[in-house]
N, C-alpha and C. Protein backbone atom coordinates (compact mmCIF):
# COMPACT_ATOMS: atom_id res chain seq x y z
N MET A 1 -111.85 -37.11 264.86
CA MET A 1 -111.09 -37.87 263.88
C MET A 1 -112.02 -38.53 262.85
N GLU A 2 -113.11 -39.11 263.36
CA GLU A 2 -114.04 -39.77 262.45
C GLU A 2 -114.65 -38.78 261.45
N ASN A 3 -114.99 -37.58 261.91
CA ASN A 3 -115.51 -36.55 261.02
C ASN A 3 -114.51 -36.18 259.95
N MET A 4 -113.23 -36.16 260.31
CA MET A 4 -112.19 -35.83 259.36
C MET A 4 -112.09 -36.90 258.26
N ILE A 5 -112.21 -38.15 258.65
CA ILE A 5 -112.16 -39.25 257.68
C ILE A 5 -113.37 -39.18 256.76
N MET A 6 -114.55 -38.94 257.32
CA MET A 6 -115.76 -38.85 256.50
C MET A 6 -115.67 -37.67 255.54
N HIS A 7 -115.15 -36.54 256.00
CA HIS A 7 -114.99 -35.37 255.15
C HIS A 7 -114.03 -35.68 254.00
N ASN A 8 -112.93 -36.36 254.29
CA ASN A 8 -111.95 -36.72 253.28
C ASN A 8 -112.56 -37.65 252.24
N GLU A 9 -113.34 -38.64 252.68
CA GLU A 9 -113.99 -39.56 251.76
C GLU A 9 -114.99 -38.81 250.88
N LYS A 10 -115.72 -37.86 251.47
CA LYS A 10 -116.69 -37.07 250.72
C LYS A 10 -115.98 -36.21 249.68
N SER A 11 -114.84 -35.63 250.03
CA SER A 11 -114.07 -34.81 249.09
C SER A 11 -113.58 -35.65 247.93
N GLN A 12 -113.14 -36.88 248.21
CA GLN A 12 -112.67 -37.75 247.14
C GLN A 12 -113.81 -38.09 246.19
N ALA A 13 -114.98 -38.37 246.73
CA ALA A 13 -116.12 -38.69 245.88
C ALA A 13 -116.47 -37.49 245.01
N THR A 14 -116.44 -36.32 245.58
CA THR A 14 -116.74 -35.12 244.81
C THR A 14 -115.71 -34.92 243.71
N SER A 15 -114.46 -35.13 244.01
CA SER A 15 -113.39 -35.01 243.03
C SER A 15 -113.57 -36.02 241.91
N LYS A 16 -113.93 -37.25 242.26
CA LYS A 16 -114.15 -38.28 241.25
C LYS A 16 -115.36 -37.94 240.38
N GLU A 17 -116.39 -37.37 240.99
CA GLU A 17 -117.57 -36.96 240.23
C GLU A 17 -117.22 -35.86 239.25
N ILE A 18 -116.42 -34.91 239.69
CA ILE A 18 -115.98 -33.83 238.81
C ILE A 18 -115.17 -34.39 237.66
N ASN A 19 -114.24 -35.29 237.96
CA ASN A 19 -113.43 -35.91 236.91
C ASN A 19 -114.32 -36.65 235.92
N MET A 20 -115.29 -37.37 236.42
CA MET A 20 -116.19 -38.13 235.55
C MET A 20 -116.91 -37.20 234.58
N MET A 21 -117.41 -36.08 235.09
CA MET A 21 -118.12 -35.14 234.23
C MET A 21 -117.16 -34.45 233.26
N MET A 22 -115.93 -34.23 233.69
CA MET A 22 -114.93 -33.64 232.81
C MET A 22 -114.64 -34.60 231.64
N TYR A 23 -114.53 -35.89 231.95
CA TYR A 23 -114.29 -36.87 230.87
C TYR A 23 -115.45 -36.90 229.89
N LEU A 24 -116.66 -36.74 230.39
CA LEU A 24 -117.83 -36.71 229.51
C LEU A 24 -117.75 -35.51 228.57
N GLU A 25 -117.46 -34.35 229.12
CA GLU A 25 -117.37 -33.14 228.30
C GLU A 25 -116.23 -33.23 227.29
N LEU A 26 -115.07 -33.68 227.74
CA LEU A 26 -113.92 -33.78 226.84
C LEU A 26 -114.16 -34.82 225.75
N GLY A 27 -114.83 -35.90 226.11
CA GLY A 27 -115.19 -36.91 225.10
C GLY A 27 -116.14 -36.34 224.07
N ASP A 28 -117.13 -35.60 224.54
CA ASP A 28 -118.09 -34.99 223.62
C ASP A 28 -117.40 -33.99 222.68
N LEU A 29 -116.53 -33.15 223.24
CA LEU A 29 -115.82 -32.17 222.42
C LEU A 29 -114.91 -32.86 221.39
N SER A 30 -114.22 -33.89 221.82
CA SER A 30 -113.35 -34.63 220.90
C SER A 30 -114.16 -35.25 219.78
N GLY A 31 -115.30 -35.83 220.14
CA GLY A 31 -116.17 -36.44 219.13
C GLY A 31 -116.69 -35.42 218.14
N GLN A 32 -117.06 -34.24 218.64
CA GLN A 32 -117.56 -33.18 217.75
C GLN A 32 -116.50 -32.72 216.77
N LYS A 33 -115.24 -32.79 217.20
CA LYS A 33 -114.14 -32.37 216.33
C LYS A 33 -113.66 -33.51 215.43
N GLY A 34 -114.30 -34.67 215.55
CA GLY A 34 -113.95 -35.80 214.70
C GLY A 34 -112.79 -36.64 215.21
N ASN A 35 -112.34 -36.36 216.42
CA ASN A 35 -111.24 -37.12 216.99
C ASN A 35 -111.81 -38.29 217.80
N THR A 36 -112.18 -39.35 217.09
CA THR A 36 -112.87 -40.46 217.73
C THR A 36 -111.98 -41.23 218.70
N ASP A 37 -110.69 -41.35 218.41
CA ASP A 37 -109.79 -42.06 219.33
C ASP A 37 -109.71 -41.35 220.67
N SER A 38 -109.61 -40.04 220.62
CA SER A 38 -109.55 -39.25 221.85
C SER A 38 -110.88 -39.33 222.60
N ALA A 39 -111.98 -39.24 221.89
CA ALA A 39 -113.30 -39.33 222.51
C ALA A 39 -113.45 -40.67 223.22
N LEU A 40 -113.04 -41.72 222.55
CA LEU A 40 -113.13 -43.06 223.13
C LEU A 40 -112.27 -43.16 224.40
N ASP A 41 -111.08 -42.60 224.36
CA ASP A 41 -110.21 -42.61 225.55
C ASP A 41 -110.87 -41.90 226.73
N TYR A 42 -111.45 -40.73 226.48
CA TYR A 42 -112.11 -39.99 227.56
C TYR A 42 -113.33 -40.76 228.09
N TYR A 43 -114.10 -41.36 227.20
CA TYR A 43 -115.27 -42.11 227.65
C TYR A 43 -114.86 -43.34 228.46
N LEU A 44 -113.76 -43.97 228.09
CA LEU A 44 -113.28 -45.11 228.87
C LEU A 44 -112.84 -44.68 230.27
N LYS A 45 -112.18 -43.53 230.35
CA LYS A 45 -111.79 -42.99 231.66
C LYS A 45 -113.03 -42.63 232.47
N GLY A 46 -114.02 -42.05 231.83
CA GLY A 46 -115.27 -41.73 232.51
C GLY A 46 -115.99 -42.97 233.00
N LEU A 47 -115.96 -44.03 232.21
CA LEU A 47 -116.58 -45.28 232.60
C LEU A 47 -115.90 -45.84 233.85
N GLN A 48 -114.58 -45.78 233.87
CA GLN A 48 -113.84 -46.25 235.05
C GLN A 48 -114.21 -45.44 236.29
N ALA A 49 -114.30 -44.13 236.14
CA ALA A 49 -114.68 -43.28 237.27
C ALA A 49 -116.10 -43.60 237.74
N ALA A 50 -117.01 -43.81 236.79
CA ALA A 50 -118.40 -44.15 237.14
C ALA A 50 -118.46 -45.48 237.89
N LYS A 51 -117.64 -46.43 237.47
CA LYS A 51 -117.60 -47.72 238.17
C LYS A 51 -117.07 -47.55 239.59
N GLU A 52 -116.04 -46.72 239.76
CA GLU A 52 -115.49 -46.48 241.09
C GLU A 52 -116.52 -45.83 242.00
N LEU A 53 -117.38 -45.00 241.42
CA LEU A 53 -118.44 -44.32 242.19
C LEU A 53 -119.71 -45.16 242.30
N ASN A 54 -119.72 -46.29 241.58
CA ASN A 54 -120.89 -47.15 241.54
C ASN A 54 -122.14 -46.37 241.09
N ASP A 55 -121.93 -45.53 240.08
CA ASP A 55 -123.01 -44.70 239.52
C ASP A 55 -123.59 -45.41 238.29
N LYS A 56 -124.64 -46.17 238.54
CA LYS A 56 -125.19 -47.04 237.49
C LYS A 56 -125.68 -46.27 236.26
N SER A 57 -126.28 -45.11 236.46
CA SER A 57 -126.77 -44.37 235.30
C SER A 57 -125.61 -43.85 234.45
N ARG A 58 -124.53 -43.40 235.09
CA ARG A 58 -123.36 -42.93 234.33
C ARG A 58 -122.61 -44.10 233.70
N ILE A 59 -122.59 -45.25 234.37
CA ILE A 59 -121.97 -46.43 233.77
C ILE A 59 -122.68 -46.75 232.46
N GLN A 60 -124.01 -46.72 232.50
CA GLN A 60 -124.79 -46.99 231.29
C GLN A 60 -124.54 -45.93 230.22
N GLN A 61 -124.49 -44.67 230.63
CA GLN A 61 -124.26 -43.59 229.69
C GLN A 61 -122.91 -43.73 228.99
N PHE A 62 -121.85 -43.92 229.78
CA PHE A 62 -120.52 -44.07 229.17
C PHE A 62 -120.44 -45.33 228.31
N SER A 63 -121.06 -46.41 228.76
CA SER A 63 -121.06 -47.65 227.97
C SER A 63 -121.71 -47.42 226.61
N ASN A 64 -122.84 -46.73 226.61
CA ASN A 64 -123.53 -46.44 225.35
C ASN A 64 -122.69 -45.54 224.44
N LEU A 65 -122.03 -44.55 225.02
CA LEU A 65 -121.18 -43.67 224.21
C LEU A 65 -120.01 -44.45 223.61
N ILE A 66 -119.43 -45.33 224.38
CA ILE A 66 -118.32 -46.14 223.89
C ILE A 66 -118.78 -47.02 222.74
N LEU A 67 -119.96 -47.61 222.88
CA LEU A 67 -120.49 -48.47 221.82
C LEU A 67 -120.69 -47.72 220.50
N THR A 68 -120.96 -46.42 220.58
CA THR A 68 -121.15 -45.66 219.34
C THR A 68 -119.83 -45.46 218.59
N TYR A 69 -118.71 -45.61 219.28
CA TYR A 69 -117.41 -45.37 218.65
C TYR A 69 -116.66 -46.65 218.28
N ILE A 70 -117.21 -47.82 218.65
CA ILE A 70 -116.50 -49.05 218.28
C ILE A 70 -117.27 -49.84 217.24
């Protein structure tokens, strides 16, 4: 049972990491197309995911990207 719980927690972290990277890519693509509102939305979602994962380097990265759009 304990292994099952650990596996489930690991899967959730992996899913959150994938989502975080997806938000980074979508934000970059939106920014390249000149859609700054959309880019900002994706970066904010990515920042939230990074905070949930306690990924300090990604928190800093998303924070810096957000600052470039405000």
